[in-house]
Amino acid sequence: MTDETNVYGTVLTYFSNEFTTIKERLKTGQFENYRERVVVSQLISEAINLLAPYVRSDARTRILVRNGETLKKDLLSVRDLITRKSSPRPENPSLLKALLDKKQ
């Protein structure tokens, strides 16, 4: 195994670990705001651009780039932001109380 192959494997492992960490942060809701998500998405785009020349020759790189694209799409999705910010409709206790009193 040459040093170049070793470095290439190390770089792929690094990006894979970073993408996994970002995915976990996204699942647990650790991003403070949408701006931070956009910045991370831009960093992922830069990583994908660095890996793009190797996509045709290496299956592991192809999978990593595909995962990065999916992660970038998930980061820029506002669906979870909307569902998190919109709270369920509050119940009207007086109406509920009136209905219960009417049944009794």
C-alpha atoms as a PDB file:
ATOM      1  CA  MET A   1       0.000   0.000   0.000  1.00  0.00           C
ATOM      2  CA  THR A   2       1.455   3.326  -1.012  1.00  0.00           C
ATOM      3  CA  ASP A   3       1.452   6.506   0.993  1.00  0.00           C
ATOM      4  CA  GLU A   4      -0.912   8.070  -1.541  1.00  0.00           C
ATOM      5  CA  THR A   5      -3.468   5.312  -0.989  1.00  0.00           C
ATOM      6  CA  ASN A   6      -3.102   5.714   2.757  1.00  0.00           C
ATOM      7  CA  VAL A   7      -3.703   9.454   2.559  1.00  0.00           C
ATOM      8  CA  TYR A   8      -6.665   8.942   0.228  1.00  0.00           C
ATOM      9  CA  GLY A   9      -8.249   6.473   2.665  1.00  0.00           C
ATOM     10  CA  THR A  10      -7.617   8.807   5.572  1.00  0.00           C
ATOM     11  CA  VAL A  11      -9.287  11.700   3.752  1.00  0.00           C
ATOM     12  CA  LEU A  12     -12.333   9.584   2.906  1.00  0.00           C
ATOM     13  CA  THR A  13     -12.588   8.390   6.503  1.00  0.00           C
ATOM     14  CA  TYR A  14     -12.331  11.969   7.749  1.00  0.00           C
ATOM     15  CA  PHE A  15     -15.142  13.208   5.489  1.00  0.00           C
ATOM     16  CA  SER A  16     -17.261  10.181   6.334  1.00  0.00           C
ATOM     17  CA  ASN A  17     -16.884  10.848  10.067  1.00  0.00           C
ATOM     18  CA  GLU A  18     -17.679  14.537   9.600  1.00  0.00           C
ATOM     19  CA  PHE A  19     -20.822  13.764   7.605  1.00  0.00           C
ATOM     20  CA  THR A  20     -21.928  11.284  10.276  1.00  0.00           C
ATOM     21  CA  THR A  21     -21.385  13.866  13.014  1.00  0.00           C
ATOM     22  CA  ILE A  22     -23.370  16.496  11.117  1.00  0.00           C
ATOM     23  CA  LYS A  23     -26.177  14.015  10.519  1.00  0.00           C
ATOM     24  CA  GLU A  24     -26.355  13.226  14.234  1.00  0.00           C
ATOM     25  CA  ARG A  25     -26.413  16.927  15.104  1.00  0.00           C
ATOM     26  CA  LEU A  26     -29.231  17.419  12.629  1.00  0.00           C
ATOM     27  CA  LYS A  27     -31.250  14.514  14.047  1.00  0.00           C
ATOM     28  CA  THR A  28     -30.871  15.752  17.618  1.00  0.00           C
ATOM     29  CA  GLY A  29     -31.645  19.371  16.715  1.00  0.00           C
ATOM     30  CA  GLN A  30     -28.339  20.842  17.843  1.00  0.00           C
ATOM     31  CA  PHE A  31     -28.192  23.497  15.138  1.00  0.00           C
ATOM     32  CA  GLU A  32     -29.114  26.813  16.712  1.00  0.00           C
ATOM     33  CA  ASN A  33     -30.626  28.470  13.660  1.00  0.00           C
ATOM     34  CA  TYR A  34     -31.070  28.198   9.930  1.00  0.00           C
ATOM     35  CA  ARG A  35     -28.010  30.354   9.257  1.00  0.00           C
ATOM     36  CA  GLU A  36     -25.737  27.803  10.912  1.00  0.00           C
ATOM     37  CA  ARG A  37     -27.301  25.075   8.799  1.00  0.00           C
ATOM     38  CA  VAL A  38     -26.628  27.060   5.615  1.00  0.00           C
ATOM     39  CA  VAL A  39     -22.992  27.579   6.583  1.00  0.00           C
ATOM     40  CA  VAL A  40     -22.530  23.854   7.259  1.00  0.00           C
ATOM     41  CA  SER A  41     -24.235  23.096   3.951  1.00  0.00           C
ATOM     42  CA  GLN A  42     -21.745  25.336   2.163  1.00  0.00           C
ATOM     43  CA  LEU A  43     -18.865  23.516   3.836  1.00  0.00           C
ATOM     44  CA  ILE A  44     -20.315  20.206   2.679  1.00  0.00           C
ATOM     45  CA  SER A  45     -20.514  21.617  -0.859  1.00  0.00           C
ATOM     46  CA  GLU A  46     -16.820  22.483  -0.716  1.00  0.00           C
ATOM     47  CA  ALA A  47     -15.987  18.961   0.479  1.00  0.00           C
ATOM     48  CA  ILE A  48     -18.073  17.463  -2.326  1.00  0.00           C
ATOM     49  CA  ASN A  49     -16.259  19.632  -4.857  1.00  0.00           C
ATOM     50  CA  LEU A  50     -12.933  18.325  -3.556  1.00  0.00           C
ATOM     51  CA  LEU A  51     -14.116  14.725  -3.836  1.00  0.00           C
ATOM     52  CA  ALA A  52     -15.886  15.060  -7.199  1.00  0.00           C
ATOM     53  CA  PRO A  53     -12.877  14.226  -9.427  1.00  0.00           C
ATOM     54  CA  TYR A  54     -12.581  10.809  -7.761  1.00  0.00           C
ATOM     55  CA  VAL A  55     -16.232   9.770  -8.065  1.00  0.00           C
ATOM     56  CA  ARG A  56     -15.846   7.822 -11.293  1.00  0.00           C
ATOM     57  CA  SER A  57     -12.886   5.793 -10.154  1.00  0.00           C
ATOM     58  CA  ASP A  58     -13.873   4.899  -6.580  1.00  0.00           C
ATOM     59  CA  ALA A  59     -17.153   3.477  -5.293  1.00  0.00           C
ATOM     60  CA  ARG A  60     -16.499   4.619  -1.722  1.00  0.00           C
ATOM     61  CA  THR A  61     -16.096   8.201  -2.909  1.00  0.00           C
ATOM     62  CA  ARG A  62     -19.265   7.920  -4.974  1.00  0.00           C
ATOM     63  CA  ILE A  63     -21.253   6.793  -1.927  1.00  0.00           C
ATOM     64  CA  LEU A  64     -19.691   9.504   0.228  1.00  0.00           C
ATOM     65  CA  VAL A  65     -20.576  12.227  -2.286  1.00  0.00           C
ATOM     66  CA  ARG A  66     -24.124  10.891  -2.576  1.00  0.00           C
ATOM     67  CA  ASN A  67     -24.480  10.913   1.226  1.00  0.00           C
ATOM     68  CA  GLY A  68     -23.098  14.454   1.339  1.00  0.00           C
ATOM     69  CA  GLU A  69     -25.640  15.635  -1.229  1.00  0.00           C
ATOM     70  CA  THR A  70     -28.467  14.070   0.761  1.00  0.00           C
ATOM     71  CA  LEU A  71     -27.183  15.609   3.976  1.00  0.00           C
ATOM     72  CA  LYS A  72     -26.921  19.012   2.323  1.00  0.00           C
ATOM     73  CA  LYS A  73     -30.520  18.717   1.127  1.00  0.00           C
ATOM     74  CA  ASP A  74     -31.663  17.764   4.638  1.00  0.00           C
ATOM     75  CA  LEU A  75     -29.803  20.683   6.155  1.00  0.00           C
ATOM     76  CA  LEU A  76     -31.450  23.160   3.800  1.00  0.00           C
ATOM     77  CA  SER A  77     -34.912  21.675   4.308  1.00  0.00           C
ATOM     78  CA  VAL A  78     -37.134  23.887   6.404  1.00  0.00           C
ATOM     79  CA  ARG A  79     -39.718  21.218   7.147  1.00  0.00           C
ATOM     80  CA  ASP A  80     -38.399  20.376  10.601  1.00  0.00           C
ATOM     81  CA  LEU A  81     -37.951  24.064  11.434  1.00  0.00           C
ATOM     82  CA  ILE A  82     -41.594  24.709  10.620  1.00  0.00           C
ATOM     83  CA  THR A  83     -42.859  21.746  12.605  1.00  0.00           C
ATOM     84  CA  ARG A  84     -40.670  22.647  15.559  1.00  0.00           C
ATOM     85  CA  LYS A  85     -41.778  26.291  15.655  1.00  0.00           C
ATOM     86  CA  SER A  86     -45.478  25.725  15.102  1.00  0.00           C
ATOM     87  CA  SER A  87     -46.913  24.632  18.384  1.00  0.00           C
ATOM     88  CA  PRO A  88     -50.098  22.649  18.620  1.00  0.00           C
ATOM     89  CA  ARG A  89     -53.281  24.628  18.994  1.00  0.00           C
ATOM     90  CA  PRO A  90     -53.995  25.337  22.642  1.00  0.00           C
ATOM     91  CA  GLU A  91     -57.144  23.808  24.003  1.00  0.00           C
ATOM     92  CA  ASN A  92     -59.871  26.113  25.101  1.00  0.00           C
ATOM     93  CA  PRO A  93     -60.497  25.020  28.689  1.00  0.00           C
ATOM     94  CA  SER A  94     -63.743  26.940  29.057  1.00  0.00           C
ATOM     95  CA  LEU A  95     -65.257  25.243  26.003  1.00  0.00           C
ATOM     96  CA  LEU A  96     -64.123  21.842  27.235  1.00  0.00           C
ATOM     97  CA  LYS A  97     -65.525  22.571  30.653  1.00  0.00           C
ATOM     98  CA  ALA A  98     -68.836  23.701  29.184  1.00  0.00           C
ATOM     99  CA  LEU A  99     -69.148  20.531  27.143  1.00  0.00           C
ATOM    100  CA  LEU A 100     -68.391  18.342  30.160  1.00  0.00           C
ATOM    101  CA  ASP A 101     -70.878  20.268  32.317  1.00  0.00           C
ATOM    102  CA  LYS A 102     -73.515  19.903  29.615  1.00  0.00           C
ATOM    103  CA  LYS A 103     -73.073  16.098  29.565  1.00  0.00           C
ATOM    104  CA  GLN A 104     -73.526  15.862  33.336  1.00  0.00           C
END
